[in-house]
Amino acid sequence: MNKGIITAIEKAETLTEIIVSLMITGYKNKGFSSREVAEKLGIHKSGMSRIKNGKYQLDLSRFLIICAMTGQNPIELMKRAEALFTSTHEKHV
């Protein structure tokens, strides 16, 4: 995981923010741009930006499309996100 994503995960206040960070990592690691992902999701690039910035909730069908594009198992991604969320928030308790 790159340093920017690690920082984003550490600063995440919600589980959704961690899920989005992991998805961004996944599509970048596969060589996809935000524009390509947006096209596959049927949204404008600005819509992808809103998802990345937490201003738009990602629906289940689009979550599954991104997982399929990146070869990520949706259940494993959720488990990983939950573990990261728990570990980062235990530090602050």
N, C-alpha and C. Protein backbone atom coordinates (compact mmCIF):
# COMPACT_ATOMS: atom_id res chain seq x y z
N MET A 1 0.85 -1.17 0.00
CA MET A 1 0.00 0.00 0.00
C MET A 1 0.90 1.24 0.00
N ASN A 2 0.52 2.24 -0.79
CA ASN A 2 1.36 3.43 -0.84
C ASN A 2 1.10 4.33 0.36
N LYS A 3 2.04 5.24 0.57
CA LYS A 3 1.99 6.11 1.75
C LYS A 3 0.72 6.95 1.82
N GLY A 4 0.25 7.44 0.67
CA GLY A 4 -0.96 8.26 0.65
C GLY A 4 -2.19 7.50 1.12
N ILE A 5 -2.29 6.25 0.72
CA ILE A 5 -3.43 5.43 1.13
C ILE A 5 -3.33 5.09 2.60
N ILE A 6 -2.13 4.80 3.08
CA ILE A 6 -1.95 4.52 4.51
C ILE A 6 -2.37 5.73 5.33
N THR A 7 -1.96 6.91 4.90
CA THR A 7 -2.36 8.14 5.60
C THR A 7 -3.87 8.32 5.56
N ALA A 8 -4.48 8.06 4.41
CA ALA A 8 -5.94 8.20 4.28
C ALA A 8 -6.65 7.24 5.23
N ILE A 9 -6.14 6.03 5.35
CA ILE A 9 -6.75 5.04 6.24
C ILE A 9 -6.59 5.47 7.69
N GLU A 10 -5.41 5.96 8.04
CA GLU A 10 -5.18 6.39 9.42
C GLU A 10 -6.07 7.57 9.80
N LYS A 11 -6.37 8.44 8.83
CA LYS A 11 -7.21 9.62 9.10
C LYS A 11 -8.70 9.33 8.96
N ALA A 12 -9.04 8.15 8.44
CA ALA A 12 -10.44 7.83 8.19
C ALA A 12 -11.25 7.86 9.47
N GLU A 13 -12.40 8.49 9.38
CA GLU A 13 -13.31 8.55 10.52
C GLU A 13 -14.44 7.55 10.40
N THR A 14 -14.63 7.02 9.20
CA THR A 14 -15.71 6.06 8.99
C THR A 14 -15.19 4.82 8.25
N LEU A 15 -15.94 3.75 8.38
CA LEU A 15 -15.62 2.53 7.66
C LEU A 15 -15.71 2.76 6.16
N THR A 16 -16.65 3.56 5.73
CA THR A 16 -16.81 3.87 4.30
C THR A 16 -15.55 4.51 3.73
N GLU A 17 -14.93 5.40 4.48
CA GLU A 17 -13.71 6.06 4.00
C GLU A 17 -12.60 5.03 3.79
N ILE A 18 -12.52 4.04 4.66
CA ILE A 18 -11.50 3.00 4.51
C ILE A 18 -11.82 2.13 3.30
N ILE A 19 -13.07 1.77 3.13
CA ILE A 19 -13.47 0.96 1.97
C ILE A 19 -13.10 1.68 0.68
N VAL A 20 -13.42 2.96 0.59
CA VAL A 20 -13.09 3.74 -0.61
C VAL A 20 -11.58 3.79 -0.82
N SER A 21 -10.81 3.97 0.25
CA SER A 21 -9.35 3.99 0.13
C SER A 21 -8.82 2.67 -0.41
N LEU A 22 -9.35 1.57 0.08
CA LEU A 22 -8.92 0.25 -0.41
C LEU A 22 -9.32 0.04 -1.87
N MET A 23 -10.47 0.55 -2.25
CA MET A 23 -10.90 0.42 -3.64
C MET A 23 -10.02 1.27 -4.56
N ILE A 24 -9.66 2.45 -4.11
CA ILE A 24 -8.76 3.31 -4.90
C ILE A 24 -7.43 2.61 -5.09
N THR A 25 -6.90 2.04 -4.02
CA THR A 25 -5.65 1.29 -4.11
C THR A 25 -5.79 0.17 -5.14
N GLY A 26 -6.90 -0.54 -5.08
CA GLY A 26 -7.13 -1.66 -6.00
C GLY A 26 -7.13 -1.24 -7.45
N TYR A 27 -7.87 -0.17 -7.78
CA TYR A 27 -7.92 0.19 -9.20
C TYR A 27 -6.62 0.85 -9.66
N LYS A 28 -5.94 1.56 -8.78
CA LYS A 28 -4.64 2.13 -9.18
C LYS A 28 -3.61 1.02 -9.39
N ASN A 29 -3.63 0.01 -8.53
CA ASN A 29 -2.69 -1.12 -8.67
C ASN A 29 -2.93 -1.89 -9.97
N LYS A 30 -4.15 -1.87 -10.47
CA LYS A 30 -4.47 -2.55 -11.73
C LYS A 30 -4.26 -1.64 -12.93
N GLY A 31 -3.83 -0.40 -12.69
CA GLY A 31 -3.53 0.51 -13.78
C GLY A 31 -4.72 1.30 -14.31
N PHE A 32 -5.83 1.28 -13.59
CA PHE A 32 -7.00 2.05 -14.01
C PHE A 32 -6.92 3.47 -13.49
N SER A 33 -7.38 4.41 -14.31
CA SER A 33 -7.48 5.80 -13.87
C SER A 33 -8.88 6.03 -13.30
N SER A 34 -9.04 7.13 -12.59
CA SER A 34 -10.36 7.49 -12.07
C SER A 34 -11.36 7.65 -13.21
N ARG A 35 -10.89 8.19 -14.31
CA ARG A 35 -11.76 8.39 -15.48
C ARG A 35 -12.26 7.05 -16.02
N GLU A 36 -11.36 6.07 -16.11
CA GLU A 36 -11.76 4.75 -16.61
C GLU A 36 -12.78 4.08 -15.68
N VAL A 37 -12.54 4.21 -14.38
CA VAL A 37 -13.47 3.63 -13.41
C VAL A 37 -14.82 4.33 -13.51
N ALA A 38 -14.80 5.65 -13.61
CA ALA A 38 -16.05 6.41 -13.73
C ALA A 38 -16.83 5.97 -14.97
N GLU A 39 -16.14 5.79 -16.09
CA GLU A 39 -16.80 5.34 -17.32
C GLU A 39 -17.45 3.98 -17.12
N LYS A 40 -16.73 3.07 -16.48
CA LYS A 40 -17.26 1.73 -16.23
C LYS A 40 -18.49 1.78 -15.31
N LEU A 41 -18.49 2.74 -14.38
CA LEU A 41 -19.61 2.89 -13.45
C LEU A 41 -20.78 3.65 -14.06
N GLY A 42 -20.54 4.26 -15.23
CA GLY A 42 -21.59 5.04 -15.88
C GLY A 42 -21.81 6.39 -15.24
N ILE A 43 -20.73 6.94 -14.66
CA ILE A 43 -20.83 8.26 -14.04
C ILE A 43 -19.75 9.17 -14.61
N HIS A 44 -19.91 10.46 -14.41
CA HIS A 44 -18.93 11.45 -14.85
C HIS A 44 -17.72 11.37 -13.92
N LYS A 45 -16.57 11.80 -14.41
CA LYS A 45 -15.36 11.80 -13.58
C LYS A 45 -15.57 12.59 -12.29
N SER A 46 -16.37 13.65 -12.34
CA SER A 46 -16.62 14.42 -11.12
C SER A 46 -17.40 13.59 -10.10
N GLY A 47 -18.22 12.66 -10.57
CA GLY A 47 -18.93 11.75 -9.66
C GLY A 47 -17.95 10.84 -8.94
N MET A 48 -16.93 10.41 -9.67
CA MET A 48 -15.89 9.58 -9.05
C MET A 48 -15.14 10.38 -8.00
N SER A 49 -14.89 11.64 -8.31
CA SER A 49 -14.21 12.52 -7.35
C SER A 49 -15.05 12.68 -6.09
N ARG A 50 -16.36 12.81 -6.25
CA ARG A 50 -17.24 12.94 -5.08
C ARG A 50 -17.23 11.67 -4.24
N ILE A 51 -17.17 10.51 -4.89
CA ILE A 51 -17.07 9.25 -4.15
C ILE A 51 -15.77 9.23 -3.36
N LYS A 52 -14.67 9.58 -4.01
CA LYS A 52 -13.36 9.57 -3.35
C LYS A 52 -13.30 10.53 -2.18
N ASN A 53 -14.02 11.64 -2.28
CA ASN A 53 -13.99 12.66 -1.22
C ASN A 53 -15.09 12.48 -0.18
N GLY A 54 -15.85 11.40 -0.29
CA GLY A 54 -16.89 11.11 0.69
C GLY A 54 -18.13 11.97 0.57
N LYS A 55 -18.31 12.62 -0.57
CA LYS A 55 -19.48 13.49 -0.75
C LYS A 55 -20.62 12.77 -1.45
N TYR A 56 -20.37 11.54 -1.87
CA TYR A 56 -21.38 10.74 -2.54
C TYR A 56 -21.21 9.31 -2.08
N GLN A 57 -22.29 8.69 -1.65
CA GLN A 57 -22.24 7.31 -1.18
C GLN A 57 -22.20 6.35 -2.37
N LEU A 58 -21.28 5.44 -2.31
CA LEU A 58 -21.15 4.42 -3.34
C LEU A 58 -22.23 3.36 -3.11
N ASP A 59 -23.02 3.07 -4.15
CA ASP A 59 -24.05 2.05 -3.97
C ASP A 59 -23.46 0.65 -4.19
N LEU A 60 -24.21 -0.35 -3.79
CA LEU A 60 -23.72 -1.73 -3.83
C LEU A 60 -23.34 -2.17 -5.23
N SER A 61 -24.15 -1.86 -6.22
CA SER A 61 -23.84 -2.32 -7.58
C SER A 61 -22.53 -1.73 -8.08
N ARG A 62 -22.27 -0.47 -7.78
CA ARG A 62 -21.01 0.15 -8.22
C ARG A 62 -19.83 -0.38 -7.42
N PHE A 63 -20.05 -0.65 -6.15
CA PHE A 63 -19.02 -1.28 -5.32
C PHE A 63 -18.62 -2.62 -5.94
N LEU A 64 -19.60 -3.42 -6.33
CA LEU A 64 -19.32 -4.73 -6.91
C LEU A 64 -18.63 -4.61 -8.27
N ILE A 65 -18.98 -3.60 -9.06
CA ILE A 65 -18.32 -3.38 -10.35
C ILE A 65 -16.84 -3.08 -10.13
N ILE A 66 -16.54 -2.21 -9.18
CA ILE A 66 -15.14 -1.87 -8.92
C ILE A 66 -14.39 -3.11 -8.41
N CYS A 67 -15.01 -3.88 -7.55
CA CYS A 67 -14.37 -5.10 -7.06
C CYS A 67 -14.07 -6.05 -8.23
N ALA A 68 -15.01 -6.20 -9.14
CA ALA A 68 -14.80 -7.07 -10.30
C ALA A 68 -13.68 -6.55 -11.19
N MET A 69 -13.64 -5.24 -11.41
CA MET A 69 -12.60 -4.63 -12.24
C MET A 69 -11.21 -4.87 -11.67
N THR A 70 -11.13 -4.84 -10.35
CA THR A 70 -9.83 -4.90 -9.69
C THR A 70 -9.47 -6.29 -9.17
N GLY A 71 -10.39 -7.23 -9.33
CA GLY A 71 -10.12 -8.59 -8.86
C GLY A 71 -10.17 -8.73 -7.34
N GLN A 72 -10.83 -7.77 -6.69
CA GLN A 72 -10.94 -7.82 -5.23
C GLN A 72 -12.22 -8.56 -4.85
N ASN A 73 -12.10 -9.47 -3.90
CA ASN A 73 -13.27 -10.16 -3.37
C ASN A 73 -14.00 -9.17 -2.47
N PRO A 74 -15.27 -8.87 -2.76
CA PRO A 74 -15.99 -7.86 -1.97
C PRO A 74 -16.07 -8.19 -0.48
N ILE A 75 -16.25 -9.46 -0.16
CA ILE A 75 -16.34 -9.85 1.25
C ILE A 75 -15.00 -9.67 1.94
N GLU A 76 -13.93 -10.07 1.26
CA GLU A 76 -12.59 -9.91 1.84
C GLU A 76 -12.22 -8.43 1.98
N LEU A 77 -12.62 -7.62 1.01
CA LEU A 77 -12.36 -6.19 1.10
C LEU A 77 -13.07 -5.60 2.32
N MET A 78 -14.31 -6.01 2.54
CA MET A 78 -15.07 -5.51 3.70
C MET A 78 -14.42 -5.97 5.01
N LYS A 79 -13.98 -7.23 5.06
CA LYS A 79 -13.33 -7.74 6.27
C LYS A 79 -12.04 -6.97 6.54
N ARG A 80 -11.28 -6.74 5.48
CA ARG A 80 -10.03 -5.99 5.63
C ARG A 80 -10.29 -4.57 6.10
N ALA A 81 -11.29 -3.94 5.52
CA ALA A 81 -11.65 -2.57 5.91
C ALA A 81 -12.07 -2.53 7.37
N GLU A 82 -12.87 -3.50 7.79
CA GLU A 82 -13.32 -3.53 9.19
C GLU A 82 -12.14 -3.72 10.14
N ALA A 83 -11.21 -4.60 9.78
CA ALA A 83 -10.03 -4.82 10.62
C ALA A 83 -9.18 -3.55 10.71
N LEU A 84 -8.99 -2.86 9.59
CA LEU A 84 -8.22 -1.61 9.59
C LEU A 84 -8.93 -0.54 10.41
N PHE A 85 -10.24 -0.45 10.26
CA PHE A 85 -11.02 0.53 11.01
C PHE A 85 -10.89 0.27 12.51
N THR A 86 -11.06 -0.98 12.90
CA THR A 86 -10.97 -1.35 14.31
C THR A 86 -9.59 -1.06 14.86
N SER A 87 -8.55 -1.45 14.11
CA SER A 87 -7.19 -1.24 14.62
C SER A 87 -6.81 0.23 14.71
N THR A 88 -7.26 1.04 13.76
CA THR A 88 -6.91 2.46 13.82
C THR A 88 -7.71 3.19 14.88
N HIS A 89 -8.91 2.73 15.16
CA HIS A 89 -9.73 3.41 16.16
C HIS A 89 -9.46 2.93 17.58
N GLU A 90 -8.90 1.74 17.74
CA GLU A 90 -8.50 1.27 19.07
C GLU A 90 -7.36 2.11 19.61
N LYS A 91 -6.52 2.63 18.71
CA LYS A 91 -5.39 3.47 19.12
C LYS A 91 -5.87 4.77 19.77
N HIS A 92 -7.06 5.22 19.35
CA HIS A 92 -7.56 6.51 19.81
C HIS A 92 -8.46 6.41 21.04
N VAL A 93 -8.72 5.19 21.48
CA VAL A 93 -9.63 5.00 22.62
C VAL A 93 -8.87 5.05 23.92
